[in-house]
Amino acid sequence: MPQLETSSWFITILSMILTLYIIMQLKISKHMYYQNPEPTSTKKTKHSTPWQTKWTKIYSPLSLPQQ
């Protein structure tokens, strides 16, 4: 059974990692960012729902009395 040649693996893996790093850096550097981000105020809208004015209690089936 022939032996597996592994002498070039180190340089292959190293060059692959370096190439991926360079590609990612180039992609990130082309990304446009805002120069001065400012928070935007969000207006709260009041929704008219029937359950807003009354309190509702939810009973768990296990806490109900035995019948």
C-alpha atoms as a PDB file:
ATOM      1  CA  MET A   1       0.000   0.000   0.000  1.00  0.00           C
ATOM      2  CA  PRO A   2       1.560   3.328  -1.045  1.00  0.00           C
ATOM      3  CA  GLN A   3       2.333   6.045   1.464  1.00  0.00           C
ATOM      4  CA  LEU A   4       0.472   9.356   1.325  1.00  0.00           C
ATOM      5  CA  GLU A   5       2.677  12.293   0.349  1.00  0.00           C
ATOM      6  CA  THR A   6       2.090  15.000   2.987  1.00  0.00           C
ATOM      7  CA  SER A   7       5.148  17.202   2.593  1.00  0.00           C
ATOM      8  CA  SER A   8       3.334  19.893   0.576  1.00  0.00           C
ATOM      9  CA  TRP A   9       0.264  20.059   2.804  1.00  0.00           C
ATOM     10  CA  PHE A  10       1.630  22.705   5.133  1.00  0.00           C
ATOM     11  CA  ILE A  11       2.377  25.246   2.407  1.00  0.00           C
ATOM     12  CA  THR A  12      -0.913  24.468   0.654  1.00  0.00           C
ATOM     13  CA  ILE A  13      -2.979  25.048   3.789  1.00  0.00           C
ATOM     14  CA  LEU A  14      -0.981  28.125   4.719  1.00  0.00           C
ATOM     15  CA  SER A  15      -1.405  29.694   1.285  1.00  0.00           C
ATOM     16  CA  MET A  16      -5.122  28.892   1.308  1.00  0.00           C
ATOM     17  CA  ILE A  17      -5.626  30.609   4.669  1.00  0.00           C
ATOM     18  CA  LEU A  18      -3.617  33.624   3.535  1.00  0.00           C
ATOM     19  CA  THR A  19      -5.649  33.889   0.321  1.00  0.00           C
ATOM     20  CA  LEU A  20      -8.948  33.670   2.206  1.00  0.00           C
ATOM     21  CA  TYR A  21      -7.781  36.343   4.614  1.00  0.00           C
ATOM     22  CA  ILE A  22      -6.813  38.694   1.771  1.00  0.00           C
ATOM     23  CA  ILE A  23     -10.106  38.113  -0.040  1.00  0.00           C
ATOM     24  CA  MET A  24     -12.097  38.842   3.114  1.00  0.00           C
ATOM     25  CA  GLN A  25     -10.101  42.008   3.778  1.00  0.00           C
ATOM     26  CA  LEU A  26     -10.759  43.226   0.253  1.00  0.00           C
ATOM     27  CA  LYS A  27     -14.473  42.518   0.570  1.00  0.00           C
ATOM     28  CA  ILE A  28     -14.683  44.344   3.899  1.00  0.00           C
ATOM     29  CA  SER A  29     -12.711  47.327   2.640  1.00  0.00           C
ATOM     30  CA  LYS A  30     -15.130  47.842  -0.263  1.00  0.00           C
ATOM     31  CA  HIS A  31     -18.079  47.959   2.103  1.00  0.00           C
ATOM     32  CA  MET A  32     -19.637  51.413   2.558  1.00  0.00           C
ATOM     33  CA  TYR A  33     -20.135  52.513   6.159  1.00  0.00           C
ATOM     34  CA  TYR A  34     -21.966  55.544   7.494  1.00  0.00           C
ATOM     35  CA  GLN A  35     -19.613  58.318   8.514  1.00  0.00           C
ATOM     36  CA  ASN A  36     -21.558  59.572  11.498  1.00  0.00           C
ATOM     37  CA  PRO A  37     -24.412  57.308  12.568  1.00  0.00           C
ATOM     38  CA  GLU A  38     -27.159  58.989  14.572  1.00  0.00           C
ATOM     39  CA  PRO A  39     -29.971  57.315  16.486  1.00  0.00           C
ATOM     40  CA  THR A  40     -33.397  57.713  14.982  1.00  0.00           C
ATOM     41  CA  SER A  41     -36.400  58.291  17.155  1.00  0.00           C
ATOM     42  CA  THR A  42     -39.227  55.857  16.714  1.00  0.00           C
ATOM     43  CA  LYS A  43     -42.760  57.024  17.308  1.00  0.00           C
ATOM     44  CA  LYS A  44     -44.938  54.731  19.346  1.00  0.00           C
ATOM     45  CA  THR A  45     -48.361  54.156  17.926  1.00  0.00           C
ATOM     46  CA  LYS A  46     -51.275  53.383  20.167  1.00  0.00           C
ATOM     47  CA  HIS A  47     -53.182  50.344  18.979  1.00  0.00           C
ATOM     48  CA  SER A  48     -56.768  49.905  19.970  1.00  0.00           C
ATOM     49  CA  THR A  49     -57.155  46.316  21.082  1.00  0.00           C
ATOM     50  CA  PRO A  50     -60.024  44.907  23.133  1.00  0.00           C
ATOM     51  CA  TRP A  51     -57.742  43.314  25.731  1.00  0.00           C
ATOM     52  CA  GLN A  52     -55.867  46.490  26.582  1.00  0.00           C
ATOM     53  CA  THR A  53     -58.432  47.770  29.080  1.00  0.00           C
ATOM     54  CA  LYS A  54     -59.233  44.569  30.901  1.00  0.00           C
ATOM     55  CA  TRP A  55     -57.071  42.114  32.765  1.00  0.00           C
ATOM     56  CA  THR A  56     -57.096  38.552  31.508  1.00  0.00           C
ATOM     57  CA  LYS A  57     -56.111  35.543  33.553  1.00  0.00           C
ATOM     58  CA  ILE A  58     -54.944  32.415  31.790  1.00  0.00           C
ATOM     59  CA  TYR A  59     -55.529  29.192  33.670  1.00  0.00           C
ATOM     60  CA  SER A  60     -53.219  26.274  33.253  1.00  0.00           C
ATOM     61  CA  PRO A  61     -55.085  22.968  32.787  1.00  0.00           C
ATOM     62  CA  LEU A  62     -53.152  21.516  35.722  1.00  0.00           C
ATOM     63  CA  SER A  63     -54.266  24.241  38.120  1.00  0.00           C
ATOM     64  CA  LEU A  64     -57.979  23.825  37.431  1.00  0.00           C
ATOM     65  CA  PRO A  65     -60.049  22.020  40.076  1.00  0.00           C
ATOM     66  CA  GLN A  66     -60.678  18.328  39.577  1.00  0.00           C
ATOM     67  CA  GLN A  67     -64.058  17.486  38.111  1.00  0.00           C
END
